[in-house]
Amino acid sequence: MSEAPSQPEASVREPEAGAMHDPDPQTPERARALGGMAHAIGRVTEGESLSSRGVMGAIGGVRGIIEAVAPGLLFLIGFTITRDPKISSIAPAAFVVLAIVVRLARRENVTSAISGALGAAVAVAATLMTGRGENFYLPGFLTNIAWALGLLISLVVRWPLFGIIYGFATGQGNSWRTNRPIRRAAIWLTVVWLGMFVLRLAVQLPLYFAARATDDAGFTDALGVARLVMGLPLFALVVVVTWVVLSGLHRSSDEVSGDIVDSTGENTPTP
């Protein structure tokens, strides 16, 4: 994949190794509101080093992790014990309602809880209407397919989605396209995130179709386990990779921030 043309020559231009501009004052709030990928971008832009606390924040914190994992785990446990999809759907549905009620009672932000509730509601509805346990995981496939397609299309049209999110999260707009290190990192990190969604589909879709074709509950159990293992743990791993790459760009930026390259190629100390 070819890169976009580099920026025109000027009397004073940004060094090629310098990867980042000064952060927008609203970057932390904007990035954390987006969560996940953007959260990691915001942390690195602030100069924060990779840490377990930072990664936990990027994947939703303890509360977010519980709310994300519990519905699928409760369904898996219930289905393994009862082999009844409809009965197994009761616990996940009750948990989601309880999570929203608790947040409302404590006057906390319910955005993430409602987002998770919508996915769980569709999963429960699909299970109740069809009476098939494997359909509890169907909404997750649709989400992964949508993300995979979006990331792939962004690469094809040479506007990698990671770069777009980076520009929005940092308040830099489209200026990342004129910075070769950031543009290159945006391409490869978009590939990394695409790989996560494709890997999920490659492992889980065969289990889903096997469960439908054979009516073997064991395939549904395996699908539930795969969904848990390839959910937040894999997501956290990709966040760590993202953090490491962006931190490398940030360090490169710091190393060259004392010099400006003029049109004659001579280095001049910054004021």
Protein backbone atom coordinates (compact mmCIF):
# COMPACT_ATOMS: atom_id res chain seq x y z
CA MET A 1 0.00 0.00 0.00
CA SER A 2 1.49 3.26 -1.07
CA GLU A 3 1.59 6.22 1.23
CA ALA A 4 0.12 9.66 0.65
CA PRO A 5 2.56 12.25 -0.75
CA SER A 6 4.71 13.95 1.84
CA GLN A 7 4.06 17.57 2.69
CA PRO A 8 5.56 20.29 0.43
CA GLU A 9 8.95 21.78 1.14
CA ALA A 10 8.94 24.98 3.19
CA SER A 11 11.46 27.25 4.79
CA VAL A 12 10.64 25.63 8.12
CA ARG A 13 9.09 22.19 8.19
CA GLU A 14 8.32 19.51 10.72
CA PRO A 15 11.13 16.97 11.15
CA GLU A 16 10.33 13.55 9.64
CA ALA A 17 11.10 11.83 12.95
CA GLY A 18 8.88 14.14 14.93
CA ALA A 19 5.65 12.24 15.32
CA MET A 20 3.32 14.40 17.35
CA HIS A 21 2.02 17.94 17.61
CA ASP A 22 1.19 19.67 20.86
CA PRO A 23 -1.96 18.03 22.28
CA ASP A 24 -5.27 19.82 22.20
CA PRO A 25 -6.30 20.93 25.73
CA GLN A 26 -9.53 18.94 25.39
CA THR A 27 -7.76 15.74 24.26
CA PRO A 28 -8.13 13.82 27.56
CA GLU A 29 -11.88 14.38 27.79
CA ARG A 30 -12.48 13.71 24.08
CA ALA A 31 -10.36 10.56 24.04
CA ARG A 32 -11.70 9.05 27.24
CA ALA A 33 -15.26 9.66 26.10
CA LEU A 34 -14.55 7.51 23.03
CA GLY A 35 -12.90 4.76 25.05
CA GLY A 36 -10.75 1.84 23.85
CA MET A 37 -8.53 2.86 20.94
CA ALA A 38 -9.03 6.60 21.50
CA HIS A 39 -8.51 6.27 25.25
CA ALA A 40 -5.04 4.82 24.65
CA ILE A 41 -4.30 7.65 22.20
CA GLY A 42 -5.29 10.23 24.80
CA ARG A 43 -3.13 8.67 27.50
CA VAL A 44 -0.04 8.54 25.29
CA THR A 45 -0.59 12.12 24.08
CA GLU A 46 -0.49 13.18 27.72
CA GLY A 47 2.88 11.44 28.03
CA GLU A 48 1.64 8.60 30.25
CA SER A 49 3.74 5.43 30.21
CA LEU A 50 2.20 2.02 29.64
CA SER A 51 0.73 0.68 32.86
CA SER A 52 -1.83 -1.86 34.01
CA ARG A 53 -3.94 1.00 35.35
CA GLY A 54 -3.90 2.77 32.00
CA VAL A 55 -4.83 -0.38 30.10
CA MET A 56 -7.62 -1.07 32.58
CA GLY A 57 -8.97 2.42 31.94
CA ALA A 58 -8.80 1.88 28.18
CA ILE A 59 -10.83 -1.32 28.34
CA GLY A 60 -13.46 0.12 30.65
CA GLY A 61 -12.16 -0.23 34.21
CA VAL A 62 -13.32 -2.85 36.69
CA ARG A 63 -16.99 -1.87 36.38
CA GLY A 64 -16.86 -1.85 32.59
CA ILE A 65 -15.11 -5.22 32.49
CA ILE A 66 -17.72 -6.79 34.74
CA GLU A 67 -20.57 -5.35 32.70
CA ALA A 68 -18.98 -6.56 29.46
CA VAL A 69 -18.08 -10.08 30.60
CA ALA A 70 -20.94 -11.01 32.94
CA PRO A 71 -23.81 -11.46 30.42
CA GLY A 72 -21.87 -13.91 28.25
CA LEU A 73 -20.44 -15.72 31.27
CA LEU A 74 -23.85 -16.06 32.93
CA PHE A 75 -25.37 -17.41 29.72
CA LEU A 76 -22.53 -19.91 29.28
CA ILE A 77 -22.89 -21.17 32.84
CA GLY A 78 -26.68 -21.38 32.59
CA PHE A 79 -26.63 -23.15 29.24
CA THR A 80 -23.97 -25.63 30.38
CA ILE A 81 -26.12 -26.55 33.37
CA THR A 82 -29.65 -26.49 31.93
CA ARG A 83 -29.17 -26.91 28.15
CA ASP A 84 -32.19 -24.65 27.84
CA PRO A 85 -31.43 -21.45 25.86
CA LYS A 86 -34.51 -19.59 27.08
CA ILE A 87 -33.88 -20.27 30.76
CA SER A 88 -30.21 -19.44 30.30
CA SER A 89 -31.16 -16.01 28.92
CA ILE A 90 -32.86 -14.93 32.15
CA ALA A 91 -29.68 -14.29 34.16
CA PRO A 92 -27.93 -12.14 31.51
CA ALA A 93 -31.08 -10.05 31.01
CA ALA A 94 -31.53 -9.56 34.76
CA PHE A 95 -27.86 -8.58 35.17
CA VAL A 96 -28.05 -5.91 32.47
CA VAL A 97 -31.15 -4.37 34.04
CA LEU A 98 -29.50 -4.44 37.47
CA ALA A 99 -26.33 -2.78 36.13
CA ILE A 100 -28.35 0.12 34.69
CA VAL A 101 -30.41 0.49 37.87
CA VAL A 102 -27.26 0.60 40.02
CA ARG A 103 -25.68 3.28 37.84
CA LEU A 104 -28.84 5.36 37.89
CA ALA A 105 -29.15 5.01 41.66
CA ARG A 106 -25.56 6.18 42.09
CA ARG A 107 -26.04 8.95 39.51
CA GLU A 108 -23.21 7.60 37.38
CA ASN A 109 -22.77 7.73 33.62
CA VAL A 110 -25.04 5.06 32.11
CA THR A 111 -23.82 5.40 28.52
CA SER A 112 -21.60 2.32 28.57
CA ALA A 113 -24.17 0.31 30.49
CA ILE A 114 -26.91 1.18 28.00
CA SER A 115 -24.62 0.36 25.09
CA GLY A 116 -23.96 -3.06 26.58
CA ALA A 117 -27.64 -3.46 27.38
CA LEU A 118 -28.62 -2.97 23.76
CA GLY A 119 -26.27 -5.73 22.64
CA ALA A 120 -27.43 -8.05 25.40
CA ALA A 121 -31.09 -7.28 24.64
CA VAL A 122 -30.63 -8.23 20.99
CA ALA A 123 -28.78 -11.40 22.01
CA VAL A 124 -31.53 -12.41 24.45
CA ALA A 125 -34.25 -11.60 21.91
CA ALA A 126 -32.54 -13.70 19.22
CA THR A 127 -32.23 -16.58 21.65
CA LEU A 128 -35.83 -16.40 22.88
CA MET A 129 -37.31 -16.09 19.37
CA THR A 130 -35.31 -18.93 17.86
CA GLY A 131 -34.85 -21.16 20.88
CA ARG A 132 -31.26 -21.81 19.82
CA GLY A 133 -28.37 -21.19 22.20
CA GLU A 134 -25.81 -20.32 19.54
CA ASN A 135 -27.93 -17.34 18.46
CA PHE A 136 -27.10 -15.63 21.74
CA TYR A 137 -23.74 -14.84 20.15
CA LEU A 138 -25.14 -13.63 16.82
CA PRO A 139 -25.10 -9.85 17.61
CA GLY A 140 -21.40 -10.12 18.42
CA PHE A 141 -20.72 -11.47 14.95
CA LEU A 142 -22.53 -8.56 13.37
CA THR A 143 -20.48 -6.08 15.42
CA ASN A 144 -17.20 -7.75 14.50
CA ILE A 145 -18.15 -7.90 10.82
CA ALA A 146 -19.09 -4.21 10.81
CA TRP A 147 -15.78 -3.19 12.40
CA ALA A 148 -13.77 -5.47 10.11
CA LEU A 149 -15.44 -4.06 7.01
CA GLY A 150 -14.98 -0.48 8.20
CA LEU A 151 -11.28 -1.00 8.92
CA LEU A 152 -10.70 -2.85 5.65
CA ILE A 153 -12.45 -0.21 3.55
CA SER A 154 -10.48 2.54 5.27
CA LEU A 155 -7.25 0.81 4.27
CA VAL A 156 -8.40 0.32 0.69
CA VAL A 157 -9.27 4.01 0.27
CA ARG A 158 -6.00 4.99 2.05
CA TRP A 159 -7.70 6.70 4.96
CA PRO A 160 -6.82 4.21 7.74
CA LEU A 161 -9.47 4.36 10.41
CA PHE A 162 -6.94 4.51 13.21
CA GLY A 163 -5.57 7.74 11.74
CA ILE A 164 -9.04 9.26 11.57
CA ILE A 165 -9.69 8.38 15.21
CA TYR A 166 -6.23 9.65 16.16
CA GLY A 167 -6.92 12.99 14.49
CA PHE A 168 -10.28 13.36 16.22
CA ALA A 169 -9.06 12.22 19.64
CA THR A 170 -6.10 14.61 19.61
CA GLY A 171 -7.90 17.52 17.97
CA GLN A 172 -5.44 17.49 15.05
CA GLY A 173 -8.02 16.79 12.36
CA ASN A 174 -6.41 15.45 9.18
CA SER A 175 -2.90 16.81 9.83
CA TRP A 176 -1.73 13.26 10.63
CA ARG A 177 -1.78 12.55 6.87
CA THR A 178 1.10 15.00 6.30
CA ASN A 179 3.27 13.37 8.99
CA ARG A 180 4.99 10.27 7.63
CA PRO A 181 5.64 8.45 10.96
CA ILE A 182 2.06 8.91 12.15
CA ARG A 183 0.65 8.00 8.75
CA ARG A 184 2.72 4.81 8.65
CA ALA A 185 1.75 3.91 12.23
CA ALA A 186 -1.91 4.58 11.43
CA ILE A 187 -1.77 2.07 8.58
CA TRP A 188 -0.16 -0.68 10.61
CA LEU A 189 -2.27 -0.14 13.71
CA THR A 190 -5.40 -0.24 11.55
CA VAL A 191 -4.13 -3.61 10.28
CA VAL A 192 -3.60 -4.78 13.87
CA TRP A 193 -7.14 -3.84 14.90
CA LEU A 194 -8.51 -5.41 11.72
CA GLY A 195 -6.59 -8.58 12.57
CA MET A 196 -8.32 -8.80 15.95
CA PHE A 197 -11.80 -8.74 14.42
CA VAL A 198 -10.87 -11.12 11.60
CA LEU A 199 -9.30 -13.58 14.07
CA ARG A 200 -12.45 -13.57 16.17
CA LEU A 201 -14.60 -14.32 13.15
CA ALA A 202 -12.21 -16.98 11.82
CA VAL A 203 -12.36 -18.92 15.10
CA GLN A 204 -15.94 -18.34 16.20
CA LEU A 205 -17.97 -18.48 12.98
CA PRO A 206 -17.05 -22.15 12.29
CA LEU A 207 -18.19 -23.04 15.81
CA TYR A 208 -21.46 -21.17 15.25
CA PHE A 209 -22.20 -22.94 11.97
CA ALA A 210 -21.17 -26.29 13.46
CA ALA A 211 -23.64 -25.77 16.32
CA ARG A 212 -26.42 -24.95 13.84
CA ALA A 213 -25.63 -27.89 11.58
CA THR A 214 -25.25 -30.57 14.24
CA ASP A 215 -27.43 -29.37 17.14
CA ASP A 216 -24.49 -30.38 19.33
CA ALA A 217 -24.53 -28.25 22.50
CA GLY A 218 -20.81 -28.82 22.85
CA PHE A 219 -20.16 -26.48 19.92
CA THR A 220 -22.26 -23.79 21.62
CA ASP A 221 -20.23 -24.25 24.80
CA ALA A 222 -16.99 -23.94 22.81
CA LEU A 223 -18.35 -20.82 21.12
CA GLY A 224 -19.13 -19.27 24.50
CA VAL A 225 -15.63 -19.99 25.78
CA ALA A 226 -14.05 -18.62 22.61
CA ARG A 227 -16.14 -15.48 22.87
CA LEU A 228 -14.92 -14.87 26.43
CA VAL A 229 -11.24 -15.62 25.70
CA MET A 230 -11.19 -13.56 22.50
CA GLY A 231 -13.19 -10.74 24.00
CA LEU A 232 -11.58 -8.46 26.57
CA PRO A 233 -8.26 -10.37 26.89
CA LEU A 234 -7.55 -10.04 23.15
CA PHE A 235 -8.87 -6.48 23.16
CA ALA A 236 -6.49 -5.61 26.02
CA LEU A 237 -3.56 -7.11 24.10
CA VAL A 238 -4.32 -4.95 21.06
CA VAL A 239 -4.60 -1.88 23.30
CA VAL A 240 -1.13 -2.67 24.70
CA VAL A 241 0.31 -2.96 21.17
CA THR A 242 -1.32 0.35 20.27
CA TRP A 243 0.09 2.00 23.38
CA VAL A 244 3.62 0.71 22.72
CA VAL A 245 3.63 1.92 19.10
CA LEU A 246 2.28 5.37 19.97
CA SER A 247 4.71 5.69 22.89
CA GLY A 248 7.56 5.01 20.46
CA LEU A 249 6.32 7.84 18.24
CA HIS A 250 6.00 10.11 21.24
CA ARG A 251 9.58 9.38 22.35
CA SER A 252 10.85 10.07 18.83
CA SER A 253 8.99 13.38 18.93
CA ASP A 254 10.64 14.33 22.21
CA GLU A 255 14.11 13.44 20.92
CA VAL A 256 13.87 15.81 17.95
CA SER A 257 11.77 18.56 19.53
CA GLY A 258 14.90 20.60 20.22
CA ASP A 259 15.78 20.96 16.55
CA ILE A 260 14.01 22.47 13.53
CA VAL A 261 15.23 21.58 10.07
CA ASP A 262 15.29 24.59 7.75
CA SER A 263 15.29 24.54 3.96
CA THR A 264 19.10 24.38 3.82
CA GLY A 265 19.14 21.18 5.86
CA GLU A 266 20.91 22.82 8.83
CA ASN A 267 19.69 22.16 12.33
CA THR A 268 18.84 25.21 14.41
CA PRO A 269 18.11 25.03 18.17
CA THR A 270 14.57 25.96 19.04
CA PRO A 271 14.03 29.07 21.23
